[in-house]
Amino acid sequence: MGKTAKLSTKFAVVALKLWTIRAMPQIDKRLTEAAKLGFKQAVIPKLAAKGLSPIAGMEVMAVEKVDEALDKLM
């Protein structure tokens, strides 16, 4: 049986020294546009998730560190 590919996107800046995920400006607008383009998942910084309205058709996963992001996407 074939596998179906899921489109996912990541909106963050990785602070390599600490392996933490940092927020980017206007994340709500970026996620909305990504959903319009067909993306079904997004990994965002946990701090950016505060107060974020749900995005129709998109699963938004909030993380603090790179290893958490990888675990959620695997």
PDB file of N, CA and C in Angstrom:
ATOM      1  N   MET A   1       0.833  -1.179   0.000  1.00  0.00           N
ATOM      2  CA  MET A   1       0.000   0.000   0.000  1.00  0.00           C
ATOM      3  C   MET A   1       0.884   1.250   0.000  1.00  0.00           C
ATOM      4  N   GLY A   2       0.526   2.239  -0.756  1.00  0.00           N
ATOM      5  CA  GLY A   2       1.322   3.453  -0.834  1.00  0.00           C
ATOM      6  C   GLY A   2       1.104   4.368   0.358  1.00  0.00           C
ATOM      7  N   LYS A   3       2.087   5.171   0.616  1.00  0.00           N
ATOM      8  CA  LYS A   3       1.992   6.146   1.704  1.00  0.00           C
ATOM      9  C   LYS A   3       1.534   7.479   1.139  1.00  0.00           C
ATOM     10  N   THR A   4       0.768   8.197   1.920  1.00  0.00           N
ATOM     11  CA  THR A   4       0.371   9.534   1.497  1.00  0.00           C
ATOM     12  C   THR A   4       1.264  10.544   2.198  1.00  0.00           C
ATOM     13  N   ALA A   5       1.662  11.542   1.483  1.00  0.00           N
ATOM     14  CA  ALA A   5       2.531  12.574   2.042  1.00  0.00           C
ATOM     15  C   ALA A   5       1.679  13.652   2.697  1.00  0.00           C
ATOM     16  N   LYS A   6       2.124  14.106   3.860  1.00  0.00           N
ATOM     17  CA  LYS A   6       1.466  15.219   4.533  1.00  0.00           C
ATOM     18  C   LYS A   6       2.319  16.456   4.338  1.00  0.00           C
ATOM     19  N   LEU A   7       1.693  17.535   3.992  1.00  0.00           N
ATOM     20  CA  LEU A   7       2.412  18.798   3.886  1.00  0.00           C
ATOM     21  C   LEU A   7       2.503  19.418   5.268  1.00  0.00           C
ATOM     22  N   SER A   8       3.685  19.784   5.667  1.00  0.00           N
ATOM     23  CA  SER A   8       3.845  20.460   6.947  1.00  0.00           C
ATOM     24  C   SER A   8       4.787  21.636   6.763  1.00  0.00           C
ATOM     25  N   THR A   9       4.693  22.564   7.672  1.00  0.00           N
ATOM     26  CA  THR A   9       5.539  23.744   7.587  1.00  0.00           C
ATOM     27  C   THR A   9       6.042  24.092   8.981  1.00  0.00           C
ATOM     28  N   LYS A  10       7.154  24.766   9.018  1.00  0.00           N
ATOM     29  CA  LYS A  10       7.752  25.174  10.289  1.00  0.00           C
ATOM     30  C   LYS A  10       8.021  26.661  10.233  1.00  0.00           C
ATOM     31  N   PHE A  11       7.513  27.378  11.201  1.00  0.00           N
ATOM     32  CA  PHE A  11       7.754  28.812  11.273  1.00  0.00           C
ATOM     33  C   PHE A  11       8.491  29.105  12.564  1.00  0.00           C
ATOM     34  N   ALA A  12       9.772  29.208  12.478  1.00  0.00           N
ATOM     35  CA  ALA A  12      10.566  29.488  13.667  1.00  0.00           C
ATOM     36  C   ALA A  12      12.005  29.765  13.262  1.00  0.00           C
ATOM     37  N   VAL A  13      12.713  30.320  14.166  1.00  0.00           N
ATOM     38  CA  VAL A  13      14.142  30.512  14.018  1.00  0.00           C
ATOM     39  C   VAL A  13      14.788  29.614  15.061  1.00  0.00           C
ATOM     40  N   VAL A  14      15.740  28.805  14.658  1.00  0.00           N
ATOM     41  CA  VAL A  14      16.394  27.899  15.590  1.00  0.00           C
ATOM     42  C   VAL A  14      17.628  28.583  16.159  1.00  0.00           C
ATOM     43  N   ALA A  15      17.680  28.672  17.467  1.00  0.00           N
ATOM     44  CA  ALA A  15      18.867  29.194  18.136  1.00  0.00           C
ATOM     45  C   ALA A  15      19.809  28.004  18.317  1.00  0.00           C
ATOM     46  N   LEU A  16      20.759  27.851  17.412  1.00  0.00           N
ATOM     47  CA  LEU A  16      21.585  26.653  17.382  1.00  0.00           C
ATOM     48  C   LEU A  16      22.380  26.421  18.659  1.00  0.00           C
ATOM     49  N   LYS A  17      22.787  27.472  19.290  1.00  0.00           N
ATOM     50  CA  LYS A  17      23.597  27.305  20.488  1.00  0.00           C
ATOM     51  C   LYS A  17      22.810  26.610  21.601  1.00  0.00           C
ATOM     52  N   LEU A  18      21.532  26.922  21.725  1.00  0.00           N
ATOM     53  CA  LEU A  18      20.715  26.357  22.795  1.00  0.00           C
ATOM     54  C   LEU A  18      19.737  25.297  22.299  1.00  0.00           C
ATOM     55  N   TRP A  19      19.644  25.104  20.996  1.00  0.00           N
ATOM     56  CA  TRP A  19      18.691  24.178  20.387  1.00  0.00           C
ATOM     57  C   TRP A  19      17.255  24.498  20.784  1.00  0.00           C
ATOM     58  N   THR A  20      16.988  25.777  20.912  1.00  0.00           N
ATOM     59  CA  THR A  20      15.636  26.218  21.231  1.00  0.00           C
ATOM     60  C   THR A  20      14.972  26.756  19.969  1.00  0.00           C
ATOM     61  N   ILE A  21      13.667  26.844  20.002  1.00  0.00           N
ATOM     62  CA  ILE A  21      12.901  27.359  18.880  1.00  0.00           C
ATOM     63  C   ILE A  21      12.415  28.758  19.253  1.00  0.00           C
ATOM     64  N   ARG A  22      12.697  29.732  18.420  1.00  0.00           N
ATOM     65  CA  ARG A  22      12.292  31.112  18.692  1.00  0.00           C
ATOM     66  C   ARG A  22      11.183  31.548  17.743  1.00  0.00           C
ATOM     67  N   ALA A  23      10.381  32.464  18.209  1.00  0.00           N
ATOM     68  CA  ALA A  23       9.241  32.938  17.431  1.00  0.00           C
ATOM     69  C   ALA A  23       9.663  33.849  16.277  1.00  0.00           C
ATOM     70  N   MET A  24       8.774  33.945  15.303  1.00  0.00           N
ATOM     71  CA  MET A  24       8.926  34.855  14.178  1.00  0.00           C
ATOM     72  C   MET A  24       7.754  35.822  14.202  1.00  0.00           C
ATOM     73  N   PRO A  25       7.917  36.992  13.619  1.00  0.00           N
ATOM     74  CA  PRO A  25       6.810  37.954  13.596  1.00  0.00           C
ATOM     75  C   PRO A  25       5.660  37.489  12.702  1.00  0.00           C
ATOM     76  N   GLN A  26       4.465  37.932  13.030  1.00  0.00           N
ATOM     77  CA  GLN A  26       3.245  37.699  12.252  1.00  0.00           C
ATOM     78  C   GLN A  26       2.985  36.222  11.982  1.00  0.00           C
ATOM     79  N   ILE A  27       3.151  35.395  12.998  1.00  0.00           N
ATOM     80  CA  ILE A  27       2.995  33.955  12.807  1.00  0.00           C
ATOM     81  C   ILE A  27       1.575  33.585  12.398  1.00  0.00           C
ATOM     82  N   ASP A  28       0.584  34.330  12.886  1.00  0.00           N
ATOM     83  CA  ASP A  28      -0.800  34.034  12.521  1.00  0.00           C
ATOM     84  C   ASP A  28      -1.035  34.219  11.024  1.00  0.00           C
ATOM     85  N   LYS A  29      -0.477  35.266  10.466  1.00  0.00           N
ATOM     86  CA  LYS A  29      -0.617  35.510   9.022  1.00  0.00           C
ATOM     87  C   LYS A  29       0.119  34.451   8.211  1.00  0.00           C
ATOM     88  N   ARG A  30       1.292  34.058   8.676  1.00  0.00           N
ATOM     89  CA  ARG A  30       2.075  33.035   7.990  1.00  0.00           C
ATOM     90  C   ARG A  30       1.338  31.691   7.990  1.00  0.00           C
ATOM     91  N   LEU A  31       0.756  31.336   9.142  1.00  0.00           N
ATOM     92  CA  LEU A  31       0.020  30.076   9.233  1.00  0.00           C
ATOM     93  C   LEU A  31      -1.229  30.085   8.358  1.00  0.00           C
ATOM     94  N   THR A  32      -1.933  31.191   8.346  1.00  0.00           N
ATOM     95  CA  THR A  32      -3.127  31.306   7.509  1.00  0.00           C
ATOM     96  C   THR A  32      -2.769  31.139   6.038  1.00  0.00           C
ATOM     97  N   GLU A  33      -1.703  31.768   5.606  1.00  0.00           N
ATOM     98  CA  GLU A  33      -1.270  31.655   4.211  1.00  0.00           C
ATOM     99  C   GLU A  33      -0.818  30.225   3.909  1.00  0.00           C
ATOM    100  N   ALA A  34      -0.103  29.607   4.836  1.00  0.00           N
ATOM    101  CA  ALA A  34       0.344  28.223   4.633  1.00  0.00           C
ATOM    102  C   ALA A  34      -0.858  27.292   4.479  1.00  0.00           C
ATOM    103  N   ALA A  35      -1.900  27.499   5.273  1.00  0.00           N
ATOM    104  CA  ALA A  35      -3.115  26.686   5.170  1.00  0.00           C
ATOM    105  C   ALA A  35      -3.764  26.868   3.800  1.00  0.00           C
ATOM    106  N   LYS A  36      -3.782  28.097   3.298  1.00  0.00           N
ATOM    107  CA  LYS A  36      -4.341  28.361   1.969  1.00  0.00           C
ATOM    108  C   LYS A  36      -3.558  27.626   0.881  1.00  0.00           C
ATOM    109  N   LEU A  37      -2.256  27.449   1.114  1.00  0.00           N
ATOM    110  CA  LEU A  37      -1.397  26.770   0.145  1.00  0.00           C
ATOM    111  C   LEU A  37      -1.464  25.247   0.267  1.00  0.00           C
ATOM    112  N   GLY A  38      -2.240  24.747   1.240  1.00  0.00           N
ATOM    113  CA  GLY A  38      -2.436  23.307   1.367  1.00  0.00           C
ATOM    114  C   GLY A  38      -1.664  22.618   2.469  1.00  0.00           C
ATOM    115  N   PHE A  39      -0.924  23.369   3.269  1.00  0.00           N
ATOM    116  CA  PHE A  39      -0.197  22.755   4.372  1.00  0.00           C
ATOM    117  C   PHE A  39      -1.186  22.304   5.440  1.00  0.00           C
ATOM    118  N   LYS A  40      -0.958  21.116   5.994  1.00  0.00           N
ATOM    119  CA  LYS A  40      -1.878  20.526   6.970  1.00  0.00           C
ATOM    120  C   LYS A  40      -1.342  20.555   8.398  1.00  0.00           C
ATOM    121  N   GLN A  41      -0.040  20.716   8.554  1.00  0.00           N
ATOM    122  CA  GLN A  41       0.593  20.745   9.871  1.00  0.00           C
ATOM    123  C   GLN A  41       1.563  21.914   9.951  1.00  0.00           C
ATOM    124  N   ALA A  42       1.744  22.413  11.171  1.00  0.00           N
ATOM    125  CA  ALA A  42       2.738  23.455  11.404  1.00  0.00           C
ATOM    126  C   ALA A  42       3.362  23.244  12.774  1.00  0.00           C
ATOM    127  N   VAL A  43       4.646  23.418  12.854  1.00  0.00           N
ATOM    128  CA  VAL A  43       5.371  23.384  14.118  1.00  0.00           C
ATOM    129  C   VAL A  43       5.767  24.815  14.415  1.00  0.00           C
ATOM    130  N   ILE A  44       5.353  25.297  15.585  1.00  0.00           N
ATOM    131  CA  ILE A  44       5.644  26.679  15.956  1.00  0.00           C
ATOM    132  C   ILE A  44       6.214  26.726  17.369  1.00  0.00           C
ATOM    133  N   PRO A  45       6.874  27.824  17.723  1.00  0.00           N
ATOM    134  CA  PRO A  45       7.380  27.981  19.080  1.00  0.00           C
ATOM    135  C   PRO A  45       6.225  28.044  20.091  1.00  0.00           C
ATOM    136  N   LYS A  46       6.436  27.439  21.247  1.00  0.00           N
ATOM    137  CA  LYS A  46       5.398  27.400  22.276  1.00  0.00           C
ATOM    138  C   LYS A  46       4.946  28.799  22.681  1.00  0.00           C
ATOM    139  N   LEU A  47       5.867  29.737  22.795  1.00  0.00           N
ATOM    140  CA  LEU A  47       5.496  31.104  23.175  1.00  0.00           C
ATOM    141  C   LEU A  47       4.619  31.774  22.115  1.00  0.00           C
ATOM    142  N   ALA A  48       4.817  31.426  20.853  1.00  0.00           N
ATOM    143  CA  ALA A  48       4.016  32.009  19.781  1.00  0.00           C
ATOM    144  C   ALA A  48       2.599  31.460  19.771  1.00  0.00           C
ATOM    145  N   ALA A  49       2.387  30.324  20.416  1.00  0.00           N
ATOM    146  CA  ALA A  49       1.066  29.691  20.418  1.00  0.00           C
ATOM    147  C   ALA A  49       0.096  30.372  21.383  1.00  0.00           C
ATOM    148  N   LYS A  50       0.631  31.126  22.328  1.00  0.00           N
ATOM    149  CA  LYS A  50      -0.238  31.816  23.290  1.00  0.00           C
ATOM    150  C   LYS A  50      -1.126  32.820  22.572  1.00  0.00           C
ATOM    151  N   GLY A  51      -2.425  32.663  22.746  1.00  0.00           N
ATOM    152  CA  GLY A  51      -3.368  33.597  22.154  1.00  0.00           C
ATOM    153  C   GLY A  51      -3.603  33.395  20.664  1.00  0.00           C
ATOM    154  N   LEU A  52      -3.010  32.368  20.081  1.00  0.00           N
ATOM    155  CA  LEU A  52      -3.185  32.107  18.657  1.00  0.00           C
ATOM    156  C   LEU A  52      -4.548  31.467  18.413  1.00  0.00           C
ATOM    157  N   SER A  53      -5.298  32.016  17.498  1.00  0.00           N
ATOM    158  CA  SER A  53      -6.601  31.441  17.134  1.00  0.00           C
ATOM    159  C   SER A  53      -6.378  30.180  16.309  1.00  0.00           C
ATOM    160  N   PRO A  54      -7.297  29.217  16.398  1.00  0.00           N
ATOM    161  CA  PRO A  54      -7.161  28.005  15.581  1.00  0.00           C
ATOM    162  C   PRO A  54      -7.133  28.351  14.088  1.00  0.00           C
ATOM    163  N   ILE A  55      -6.350  27.605  13.336  1.00  0.00           N
ATOM    164  CA  ILE A  55      -6.238  27.792  11.897  1.00  0.00           C
ATOM    165  C   ILE A  55      -7.029  26.659  11.234  1.00  0.00           C
ATOM    166  N   ALA A  56      -8.025  27.018  10.452  1.00  0.00           N
ATOM    167  CA  ALA A  56      -8.894  26.024   9.816  1.00  0.00           C
ATOM    168  C   ALA A  56      -8.092  25.068   8.940  1.00  0.00           C
ATOM    169  N   GLY A  57      -8.285  23.776   9.162  1.00  0.00           N
ATOM    170  CA  GLY A  57      -7.647  22.756   8.337  1.00  0.00           C
ATOM    171  C   GLY A  57      -6.190  22.502   8.636  1.00  0.00           C
ATOM    172  N   MET A  58      -5.675  23.058   9.736  1.00  0.00           N
ATOM    173  CA  MET A  58      -4.264  22.885  10.049  1.00  0.00           C
ATOM    174  C   MET A  58      -4.074  22.442  11.494  1.00  0.00           C
ATOM    175  N   GLU A  59      -3.221  21.451  11.679  1.00  0.00           N
ATOM    176  CA  GLU A  59      -2.821  21.015  13.011  1.00  0.00           C
ATOM    177  C   GLU A  59      -1.577  21.828  13.395  1.00  0.00           C
ATOM    178  N   VAL A  60      -1.680  22.606  14.450  1.00  0.00           N
ATOM    179  CA  VAL A  60      -0.561  23.440  14.903  1.00  0.00           C
ATOM    180  C   VAL A  60       0.038  22.800  16.144  1.00  0.00           C
ATOM    181  N   MET A  61       1.336  22.518  16.085  1.00  0.00           N
ATOM    182  CA  MET A  61       2.052  21.879  17.191  1.00  0.00           C
ATOM    183  C   MET A  61       3.048  22.858  17.777  1.00  0.00           C
ATOM    184  N   ALA A  62       2.934  23.130  19.057  1.00  0.00           N
ATOM    185  CA  ALA A  62       3.820  24.084  19.728  1.00  0.00           C
ATOM    186  C   ALA A  62       4.937  23.338  20.455  1.00  0.00           C
ATOM    187  N   VAL A  63       6.174  23.782  20.248  1.00  0.00           N
ATOM    188  CA  VAL A  63       7.339  23.138  20.860  1.00  0.00           C
ATOM    189  C   VAL A  63       8.299  24.193  21.405  1.00  0.00           C
ATOM    190  N   GLU A  64       9.194  23.738  22.268  1.00  0.00           N
ATOM    191  CA  GLU A  64      10.237  24.619  22.810  1.00  0.00           C
ATOM    192  C   GLU A  64      11.609  24.301  22.233  1.00  0.00           C
ATOM    193  N   LYS A  65      11.865  23.039  21.949  1.00  0.00           N
ATOM    194  CA  LYS A  65      13.199  22.629  21.520  1.00  0.00           C
ATOM    195  C   LYS A  65      13.136  21.838  20.222  1.00  0.00           C
ATOM    196  N   VAL A  66      14.257  21.781  19.539  1.00  0.00           N
ATOM    197  CA  VAL A  66      14.366  21.110  18.247  1.00  0.00           C
ATOM    198  C   VAL A  66      13.976  19.639  18.356  1.00  0.00           C
ATOM    199  N   ASP A  67      14.434  18.944  19.406  1.00  0.00           N
ATOM    200  CA  ASP A  67      14.116  17.532  19.521  1.00  0.00           C
ATOM    201  C   ASP A  67      12.612  17.289  19.662  1.00  0.00           C
ATOM    202  N   GLU A  68      11.891  18.192  20.310  1.00  0.00           N
ATOM    203  CA  GLU A  68      10.433  18.081  20.394  1.00  0.00           C
ATOM    204  C   GLU A  68       9.811  18.205  19.012  1.00  0.00           C
ATOM    205  N   ALA A  69      10.305  19.133  18.213  1.00  0.00           N
ATOM    206  CA  ALA A  69       9.779  19.327  16.864  1.00  0.00           C
ATOM    207  C   ALA A  69       9.982  18.063  16.034  1.00  0.00           C
ATOM    208  N   LEU A  70      11.164  17.477  16.125  1.00  0.00           N
ATOM    209  CA  LEU A  70      11.442  16.258  15.370  1.00  0.00           C
ATOM    210  C   LEU A  70      10.551  15.114  15.825  1.00  0.00           C
ATOM    211  N   ASP A  71      10.332  14.991  17.131  1.00  0.00           N
ATOM    212  CA  ASP A  71       9.467  13.930  17.658  1.00  0.00           C
ATOM    213  C   ASP A  71       8.039  14.086  17.128  1.00  0.00           C
ATOM    214  N   LYS A  72       7.546  15.295  17.082  1.00  0.00           N
ATOM    215  CA  LYS A  72       6.169  15.535  16.624  1.00  0.00           C
ATOM    216  C   LYS A  72       6.009  15.264  15.137  1.00  0.00           C
ATOM    217  N   LEU A  73       7.059  15.478  14.368  1.00  0.00           N
ATOM    218  CA  LEU A  73       6.982  15.294  12.917  1.00  0.00           C
ATOM    219  C   LEU A  73       7.270  13.873  12.470  1.00  0.00           C
ATOM    220  N   MET A  74       7.836  13.063  13.313  1.00  0.00           N
ATOM    221  CA  MET A  74       8.186  11.686  12.929  1.00  0.00           C
ATOM    222  C   MET A  74       7.060  10.734  13.205  1.00  0.00           C
TER     223      MET A  74
END
